[in-house]
PDB file of N, CA and C in Angstrom:
ATOM      1  N   MET A   1      53.246  95.682  87.984  1.00  0.00           N
ATOM      2  CA  MET A   1      54.434  95.578  88.810  1.00  0.00           C
ATOM      3  C   MET A   1      54.954  94.138  88.824  1.00  0.00           C
ATOM      4  N   ARG A   2      54.006  93.214  88.881  1.00  0.00           N
ATOM      5  CA  ARG A   2      54.384  91.803  88.912  1.00  0.00           C
ATOM      6  C   ARG A   2      55.102  91.385  87.635  1.00  0.00           C
ATOM      7  N   ASP A   3      54.611  91.869  86.491  1.00  0.00           N
ATOM      8  CA  ASP A   3      55.263  91.553  85.213  1.00  0.00           C
ATOM      9  C   ASP A   3      56.655  92.167  85.132  1.00  0.00           C
ATOM     10  N   TYR A   4      56.793  93.373  85.647  1.00  0.00           N
ATOM     11  CA  TYR A   4      58.095  94.043  85.642  1.00  0.00           C
ATOM     12  C   TYR A   4      59.120  93.249  86.469  1.00  0.00           C
ATOM     13  N   LEU A   5      58.713  92.827  87.663  1.00  0.00           N
ATOM     14  CA  LEU A   5      59.628  92.041  88.503  1.00  0.00           C
ATOM     15  C   LEU A   5      59.972  90.704  87.859  1.00  0.00           C
ATOM     16  N   TRP A   6      59.010  90.096  87.194  1.00  0.00           N
ATOM     17  CA  TRP A   6      59.287  88.838  86.512  1.00  0.00           C
ATOM     18  C   TRP A   6      60.291  89.039  85.379  1.00  0.00           C
ATOM     19  N   ARG A   7      60.110  90.125  84.603  1.00  0.00           N
ATOM     20  CA  ARG A   7      61.058  90.418  83.511  1.00  0.00           C
ATOM     21  C   ARG A   7      62.457  90.662  84.051  1.00  0.00           C
ATOM     22  N   GLN A   8      62.566  91.382  85.173  1.00  0.00           N
ATOM     23  CA  GLN A   8      63.873  91.631  85.766  1.00  0.00           C
ATOM     24  C   GLN A   8      64.528  90.336  86.238  1.00  0.00           C
ATOM     25  N   ARG A   9      63.715  89.448  86.797  1.00  0.00           N
ATOM     26  CA  ARG A   9      64.240  88.153  87.241  1.00  0.00           C
ATOM     27  C   ARG A   9      64.741  87.341  86.055  1.00  0.00           C
ATOM     28  N   VAL A  10      63.976  87.329  84.971  1.00  0.00           N
ATOM     29  CA  VAL A  10      64.381  86.586  83.777  1.00  0.00           C
ATOM     30  C   VAL A  10      65.655  87.184  83.187  1.00  0.00           C
ATOM     31  N   LYS A  11      65.761  88.500  83.137  1.00  0.00           N
ATOM     32  CA  LYS A  11      66.992  89.149  82.641  1.00  0.00           C
ATOM     33  C   LYS A  11      68.184  88.772  83.501  1.00  0.00           C
ATOM     34  N   PHE A  12      67.997  88.805  84.816  1.00  0.00           N
ATOM     35  CA  PHE A  12      69.080  88.482  85.743  1.00  0.00           C
ATOM     36  C   PHE A  12      69.522  87.038  85.583  1.00  0.00           C
ATOM     37  N   GLU A  13      68.561  86.130  85.519  1.00  0.00           N
ATOM     38  CA  GLU A  13      68.900  84.712  85.393  1.00  0.00           C
ATOM     39  C   GLU A  13      69.531  84.396  84.045  1.00  0.00           C
ATOM     40  N   SER A  14      69.067  85.018  82.985  1.00  0.00           N
ATOM     41  CA  SER A  14      69.643  84.732  81.672  1.00  0.00           C
ATOM     42  C   SER A  14      71.012  85.375  81.499  1.00  0.00           C
ATOM     43  N   THR A  15      71.233  86.513  82.119  1.00  0.00           N
ATOM     44  CA  THR A  15      72.537  87.157  82.022  1.00  0.00           C
ATOM     45  C   THR A  15      73.603  86.337  82.725  1.00  0.00           C
ATOM     46  N   LEU A  16      73.289  85.810  83.888  1.00  0.00           N
ATOM     47  CA  LEU A  16      74.262  85.024  84.646  1.00  0.00           C
ATOM     48  C   LEU A  16      74.158  83.525  84.386  1.00  0.00           C
ATOM     49  N   ALA A  17      73.348  83.132  83.398  1.00  0.00           N
ATOM     50  CA  ALA A  17      73.136  81.723  83.029  1.00  0.00           C
ATOM     51  C   ALA A  17      72.604  80.909  84.201  1.00  0.00           C
ATOM     52  N   LEU A  18      71.829  81.537  85.062  1.00  0.00           N
ATOM     53  CA  LEU A  18      71.230  80.834  86.185  1.00  0.00           C
ATOM     54  C   LEU A  18      69.979  80.070  85.784  1.00  0.00           C
ATOM     55  N   SER A  19      69.432  80.377  84.622  1.00  0.00           N
ATOM     56  CA  SER A  19      68.192  79.728  84.203  1.00  0.00           C
ATOM     57  C   SER A  19      68.385  78.246  83.912  1.00  0.00           C
ATOM     58  N   MET A  20      69.599  77.824  83.634  1.00  0.00           N
ATOM     59  CA  MET A  20      69.830  76.412  83.340  1.00  0.00           C
ATOM     60  C   MET A  20      70.202  75.600  84.584  1.00  0.00           C
ATOM     61  N   LEU A  21      70.319  76.257  85.731  1.00  0.00           N
ATOM     62  CA  LEU A  21      70.710  75.568  86.951  1.00  0.00           C
ATOM     63  C   LEU A  21      69.485  75.094  87.736  1.00  0.00           C
ATOM     64  N   GLU A  22      69.725  74.132  88.588  1.00  0.00           N
ATOM     65  CA  GLU A  22      68.671  73.687  89.495  1.00  0.00           C
ATOM     66  C   GLU A  22      68.540  74.700  90.637  1.00  0.00           C
ATOM     67  N   PRO A  23      67.421  74.672  91.366  1.00  0.00           N
ATOM     68  CA  PRO A  23      67.215  75.669  92.432  1.00  0.00           C
ATOM     69  C   PRO A  23      68.324  75.682  93.485  1.00  0.00           C
ATOM     70  N   TRP A  24      68.814  74.536  93.908  1.00  0.00           N
ATOM     71  CA  TRP A  24      69.866  74.531  94.923  1.00  0.00           C
ATOM     72  C   TRP A  24      71.165  75.094  94.365  1.00  0.00           C
ATOM     73  N   GLU A  25      71.410  74.910  93.062  1.00  0.00           N
ATOM     74  CA  GLU A  25      72.608  75.476  92.445  1.00  0.00           C
ATOM     75  C   GLU A  25      72.505  76.993  92.323  1.00  0.00           C
ATOM     76  N   LYS A  26      71.294  77.470  92.037  1.00  0.00           N
ATOM     77  CA  LYS A  26      71.073  78.917  91.979  1.00  0.00           C
ATOM     78  C   LYS A  26      71.365  79.559  93.337  1.00  0.00           C
ATOM     79  N   ILE A  27      70.827  78.932  94.384  1.00  0.00           N
ATOM     80  CA  ILE A  27      71.031  79.472  95.730  1.00  0.00           C
ATOM     81  C   ILE A  27      72.511  79.473  96.091  1.00  0.00           C
ATOM     82  N   LEU A  28      73.204  78.389  95.769  1.00  0.00           N
ATOM     83  CA  LEU A  28      74.636  78.308  96.062  1.00  0.00           C
ATOM     84  C   LEU A  28      75.416  79.381  95.306  1.00  0.00           C
ATOM     85  N   CYS A  29      75.117  79.559  94.041  1.00  0.00           N
ATOM     86  CA  CYS A  29      75.811  80.588  93.252  1.00  0.00           C
ATOM     87  C   CYS A  29      75.527  81.991  93.786  1.00  0.00           C
ATOM     88  N   LEU A  30      74.281  82.244  94.145  1.00  0.00           N
ATOM     89  CA  LEU A  30      73.935  83.572  94.662  1.00  0.00           C
ATOM     90  C   LEU A  30      74.574  83.834  96.024  1.00  0.00           C
ATOM     91  N   ILE A  31      74.685  82.798  96.860  1.00  0.00           N
ATOM     92  CA  ILE A  31      75.359  82.965  98.159  1.00  0.00           C
ATOM     93  C   ILE A  31      76.832  83.274  97.950  1.00  0.00           C
ATOM     94  N   ILE A  32      77.484  82.543  97.055  1.00  0.00           N
ATOM     95  CA  ILE A  32      78.906  82.790  96.783  1.00  0.00           C
ATOM     96  C   ILE A  32      79.098  84.179  96.195  1.00  0.00           C
ATOM     97  N   PHE A  33      78.248  84.562  95.244  1.00  0.00           N
ATOM     98  CA  PHE A  33      78.340  85.888  94.637  1.00  0.00           C
ATOM     99  C   PHE A  33      78.116  86.991  95.676  1.00  0.00           C
ATOM    100  N   SER A  34      77.147  86.778  96.570  1.00  0.00           N
ATOM    101  CA  SER A  34      76.868  87.774  97.612  1.00  0.00           C
ATOM    102  C   SER A  34      78.041  87.910  98.575  1.00  0.00           C
ATOM    103  N   LEU A  35      78.644  86.791  98.967  1.00  0.00           N
ATOM    104  CA  LEU A  35      79.790  86.841  99.876  1.00  0.00           C
ATOM    105  C   LEU A  35      80.984  87.544  99.237  1.00  0.00           C
ATOM    106  N   LEU A  36      81.251  87.239  97.973  1.00  0.00           N
ATOM    107  CA  LEU A  36      82.364  87.899  97.292  1.00  0.00           C
ATOM    108  C   LEU A  36      82.113  89.396  97.139  1.00  0.00           C
ATOM    109  N   THR A  37      80.876  89.761  96.813  1.00  0.00           N
ATOM    110  CA  THR A  37      80.535  91.181  96.703  1.00  0.00           C
ATOM    111  C   THR A  37      80.696  91.887  98.043  1.00  0.00           C
ATOM    112  N   MET A  38      80.271  91.236  99.106  1.00  0.00           N
ATOM    113  CA  MET A  38      80.397  91.819 100.437  1.00  0.00           C
ATOM    114  C   MET A  38      81.868  92.007 100.811  1.00  0.00           C
ATOM    115  N   LEU A  39      82.712  91.029 100.512  1.00  0.00           N
ATOM    116  CA  LEU A  39      84.134  91.155 100.817  1.00  0.00           C
ATOM    117  C   LEU A  39      84.784  92.295 100.032  1.00  0.00           C
ATOM    118  N   VAL A  40      84.410  92.439  98.777  1.00  0.00           N
ATOM    119  CA  VAL A  40      84.957  93.537  97.969  1.00  0.00           C
ATOM    120  C   VAL A  40      84.512  94.887  98.519  1.00  0.00           C
ATOM    121  N   MET A  41      83.245  95.005  98.897  1.00  0.00           N
ATOM    122  CA  MET A  41      82.751  96.277  99.430  1.00  0.00           C
ATOM    123  C   MET A  41      83.414  96.616 100.763  1.00  0.00           C
ATOM    124  N   ILE A  42      83.587  95.629 101.622  1.00  0.00           N
ATOM    125  CA  ILE A  42      84.273  95.866 102.892  1.00  0.00           C
ATOM    126  C   ILE A  42      85.700  96.320 102.631  1.00  0.00           C
ATOM    127  N   GLY A  43      86.362  95.674 101.696  1.00  0.00           N
ATOM    128  CA  GLY A  43      87.726  96.069 101.348  1.00  0.00           C
ATOM    129  C   GLY A  43      87.792  97.488 100.822  1.00  0.00           C
ATOM    130  N   LEU A  44      86.832  97.859  99.979  1.00  0.00           N
ATOM    131  CA  LEU A  44      86.819  99.218  99.439  1.00  0.00           C
ATOM    132  C   LEU A  44      86.604 100.259 100.527  1.00  0.00           C
ATOM    133  N   PHE A  45      85.667 100.008 101.419  1.00  0.00           N
ATOM    134  CA  PHE A  45      85.350 101.004 102.438  1.00  0.00           C
ATOM    135  C   PHE A  45      86.388 101.063 103.552  1.00  0.00           C
ATOM    136  N   GLN A  46      87.069  99.963 103.845  1.00  0.00           N
ATOM    137  CA  GLN A  46      88.032  99.979 104.935  1.00  0.00           C
ATOM    138  C   GLN A  46      89.438 100.339 104.484  1.00  0.00           C
ATOM    139  N   TYR A  47      89.885  99.795 103.373  1.00  0.00           N
ATOM    140  CA  TYR A  47      91.289  99.920 103.015  1.00  0.00           C
ATOM    141  C   TYR A  47      91.564 100.910 101.887  1.00  0.00           C
ATOM    142  N   LEU A  48      90.589 101.214 101.061  1.00  0.00           N
ATOM    143  CA  LEU A  48      90.833 102.133  99.956  1.00  0.00           C
ATOM    144  C   LEU A  48      91.195 103.543 100.416  1.00  0.00           C
ATOM    145  N   PRO A  49      90.521 104.142 101.405  1.00  0.00           N
ATOM    146  CA  PRO A  49      90.916 105.489 101.817  1.00  0.00           C
ATOM    147  C   PRO A  49      92.374 105.573 102.288  1.00  0.00           C
ATOM    148  N   GLN A  50      92.829 104.576 103.034  1.00  0.00           N
ATOM    149  CA  GLN A  50      94.221 104.568 103.475  1.00  0.00           C
ATOM    150  C   GLN A  50      95.154 104.402 102.282  1.00  0.00           C
ATOM    151  N   HIS A  51      94.768 103.561 101.342  1.00  0.00           N
ATOM    152  CA  HIS A  51      95.620 103.304 100.193  1.00  0.00           C
ATOM    153  C   HIS A  51      95.696 104.516  99.269  1.00  0.00           C
ATOM    154  N   VAL A  52      94.620 105.276  99.174  1.00  0.00           N
ATOM    155  CA  VAL A  52      94.627 106.485  98.340  1.00  0.00           C
ATOM    156  C   VAL A  52      95.629 107.491  98.891  1.00  0.00           C
ATOM    157  N   ILE A  53      95.710 107.626 100.207  1.00  0.00           N
ATOM    158  CA  ILE A  53      96.682 108.540 100.812  1.00  0.00           C
ATOM    159  C   ILE A  53      98.097 108.094 100.496  1.00  0.00           C
ATOM    160  N   VAL A  54      98.353 106.798 100.607  1.00  0.00           N
ATOM    161  CA  VAL A  54      99.689 106.273 100.289  1.00  0.00           C
ATOM    162  C   VAL A  54     100.007 106.502  98.815  1.00  0.00           C
ATOM    163  N   MET A  55      99.045 106.262  97.935  1.00  0.00           N
ATOM    164  CA  MET A  55      99.269 106.465  96.502  1.00  0.00           C
ATOM    165  C   MET A  55      99.527 107.933  96.192  1.00  0.00           C
ATOM    166  N   GLN A  56      98.843 108.830  96.895  1.00  0.00           N
ATOM    167  CA  GLN A  56      99.044 110.257  96.668  1.00  0.00           C
ATOM    168  C   GLN A  56     100.467 110.660  97.054  1.00  0.00           C
ATOM    169  N   ARG A  57     100.933 110.179  98.207  1.00  0.00           N
ATOM    170  CA  ARG A  57     102.296 110.505  98.632  1.00  0.00           C
ATOM    171  C   ARG A  57     103.328 109.958  97.660  1.00  0.00           C
ATOM    172  N   ARG A  58     103.118 108.740  97.186  1.00  0.00           N
ATOM    173  CA  ARG A  58     104.053 108.157  96.225  1.00  0.00           C
ATOM    174  C   ARG A  58     104.037 108.917  94.909  1.00  0.00           C
ATOM    175  N   ALA A  59     102.860 109.323  94.457  1.00  0.00           N
ATOM    176  CA  ALA A  59     102.763 110.066  93.204  1.00  0.00           C
ATOM    177  C   ALA A  59     103.497 111.394  93.323  1.00  0.00           C
ATOM    178  N   ILE A  60     103.356 112.087  94.455  1.00  0.00           N
ATOM    179  CA  ILE A  60     104.074 113.352  94.657  1.00  0.00           C
ATOM    180  C   ILE A  60     105.576 113.108  94.629  1.00  0.00           C
ATOM    181  N   TYR A  61     106.018 112.059  95.275  1.00  0.00           N
ATOM    182  CA  TYR A  61     107.450 111.754  95.311  1.00  0.00           C
ATOM    183  C   TYR A  61     107.963 111.383  93.918  1.00  0.00           C
ATOM    184  N   TYR A  62     107.209 110.552  93.199  1.00  0.00           N
ATOM    185  CA  TYR A  62     107.663 110.110  91.882  1.00  0.00           C
ATOM    186  C   TYR A  62     107.634 111.237  90.860  1.00  0.00           C
ATOM    187  N   LEU A  63     106.633 112.115  90.958  1.00  0.00           N
ATOM    188  CA  LEU A  63     106.520 113.186  89.968  1.00  0.00           C
ATOM    189  C   LEU A  63     107.476 114.338  90.238  1.00  0.00           C
ATOM    190  N   TRP A  64     107.617 114.736  91.503  1.00  0.00           N
ATOM    191  CA  TRP A  64     108.428 115.894  91.819  1.00  0.00           C
ATOM    192  C   TRP A  64     109.680 115.567  92.610  1.00  0.00           C
ATOM    193  N   GLY A  65     109.821 114.359  93.065  1.00  0.00           N
ATOM    194  CA  GLY A  65     111.028 113.954  93.771  1.00  0.00           C
ATOM    195  C   GLY A  65     111.175 114.597  95.138  1.00  0.00           C
ATOM    196  N   GLN A  66     110.093 115.044  95.706  1.00  0.00           N
ATOM    197  CA  GLN A  66     110.142 115.699  97.004  1.00  0.00           C
ATOM    198  C   GLN A  66     109.113 115.067  97.920  1.00  0.00           C
ATOM    199  N   GLU A  67     109.331 115.245  99.185  1.00  0.00           N
ATOM    200  CA  GLU A  67     108.345 114.773 100.164  1.00  0.00           C
ATOM    201  C   GLU A  67     107.156 115.733 100.182  1.00  0.00           C
ATOM    202  N   GLY A  68     106.130 115.361 100.876  1.00  0.00           N
ATOM    203  CA  GLY A  68     104.885 116.114 100.861  1.00  0.00           C
ATOM    204  C   GLY A  68     104.979 117.517 101.410  1.00  0.00           C
ATOM    205  N   GLU A  69     105.711 117.737 102.500  1.00  0.00           N
ATOM    206  CA  GLU A  69     105.754 119.064 103.125  1.00  0.00           C
ATOM    207  C   GLU A  69     106.410 120.091 102.207  1.00  0.00           C
ATOM    208  N   VAL A  70     107.479 119.711 101.550  1.00  0.00           N
ATOM    209  CA  VAL A  70     108.144 120.635 100.639  1.00  0.00           C
ATOM    210  C   VAL A  70     107.235 120.948  99.472  1.00  0.00           C
ATOM    211  N   PHE A  71     106.555 119.945  98.966  1.00  0.00           N
ATOM    212  CA  PHE A  71     105.657 120.151  97.834  1.00  0.00           C
ATOM    213  C   PHE A  71     104.462 121.011  98.222  1.00  0.00           C
ATOM    214  N   ARG A  72     103.877 120.786  99.398  1.00  0.00           N
ATOM    215  CA  ARG A  72     102.725 121.580  99.823  1.00  0.00           C
ATOM    216  C   ARG A  72     103.087 123.056  99.972  1.00  0.00           C
ATOM    217  N   SER A  73     104.269 123.340 100.501  1.00  0.00           N
ATOM    218  CA  SER A  73     104.660 124.740 100.661  1.00  0.00           C
ATOM    219  C   SER A  73     104.879 125.406  99.305  1.00  0.00           C
ATOM    220  N   TRP A  74     105.238 124.610  98.296  1.00  0.00           N
ATOM    221  CA  TRP A  74     105.448 125.167  96.969  1.00  0.00           C
ATOM    222  C   TRP A  74     104.120 125.421  96.269  1.00  0.00           C
ATOM    223  N   VAL A  75     103.122 124.566  96.498  1.00  0.00           N
ATOM    224  CA  VAL A  75     101.847 124.671  95.811  1.00  0.00           C
ATOM    225  C   VAL A  75     100.953 125.718  96.433  1.00  0.00           C
ATOM    226  N   GLU A  76     100.953 125.834  97.764  1.00  0.00           N
ATOM    227  CA  GLU A  76     100.058 126.769  98.438  1.00  0.00           C
ATOM    228  C   GLU A  76     100.425 128.196  98.067  1.00  0.00           C
ATOM    229  N   THR A  77      99.387 128.974  97.814  1.00  0.00           N
ATOM    230  CA  THR A  77      99.616 130.385  97.472  1.00  0.00           C
ATOM    231  C   THR A  77      99.303 131.247  98.682  1.00  0.00           C
ATOM    232  N   PRO A  78     100.109 132.255  98.951  1.00  0.00           N
ATOM    233  CA  PRO A  78      99.866 133.091 100.133  1.00  0.00           C
ATOM    234  C   PRO A  78      98.583 133.903 100.023  1.00  0.00           C
ATOM    235  N   GLY A  79      98.117 134.188  98.824  1.00  0.00           N
ATOM    236  CA  GLY A  79      96.899 134.970  98.639  1.00  0.00           C
ATOM    237  C   GLY A  79      95.659 134.274  99.187  1.00  0.00           C
ATOM    238  N   LEU A  80      95.617 132.966  99.130  1.00  0.00           N
ATOM    239  CA  LEU A  80      94.456 132.244  99.602  1.00  0.00           C
ATOM    240  C   LEU A  80      94.358 132.235 101.123  1.00  0.00           C
ATOM    241  N   LYS A  81      95.482 132.269 101.808  1.00  0.00           N
ATOM    242  CA  LYS A  81      95.461 132.266 103.268  1.00  0.00           C
ATOM    243  C   LYS A  81      94.928 133.591 103.804  1.00  0.00           C
ATOM    244  N   GLU A  82      95.166 134.669 103.092  1.00  0.00           N
ATOM    245  CA  GLU A  82      94.747 135.984 103.556  1.00  0.00           C
ATOM    246  C   GLU A  82      93.233 136.156 103.430  1.00  0.00           C
ATOM    247  N   LEU A  83      92.600 135.411 102.518  1.00  0.00           N
ATOM    248  CA  LEU A  83      91.146 135.547 102.338  1.00  0.00           C
ATOM    249  C   LEU A  83      90.480 134.870 103.469  1.00  0.00           C
TER     250      LEU A  83
END
């Protein structure tokens, strides 16, 4: 297990070129990378669902030139409501 973790650490450091940095530079880079990753994840979880709804409405308008209610009534089939 110890060898496996060491290999993963070496892969990680060599992929991001962290092996040539000093320890304080590694920590600084990892803190910055962690903060940026956290901000992106927060943005995805908070704002993406709202933005997907807006994009869906715009796509319906751009593709069919109608608002959502008119389009939904055209797409829904009466057979499914009866089941």
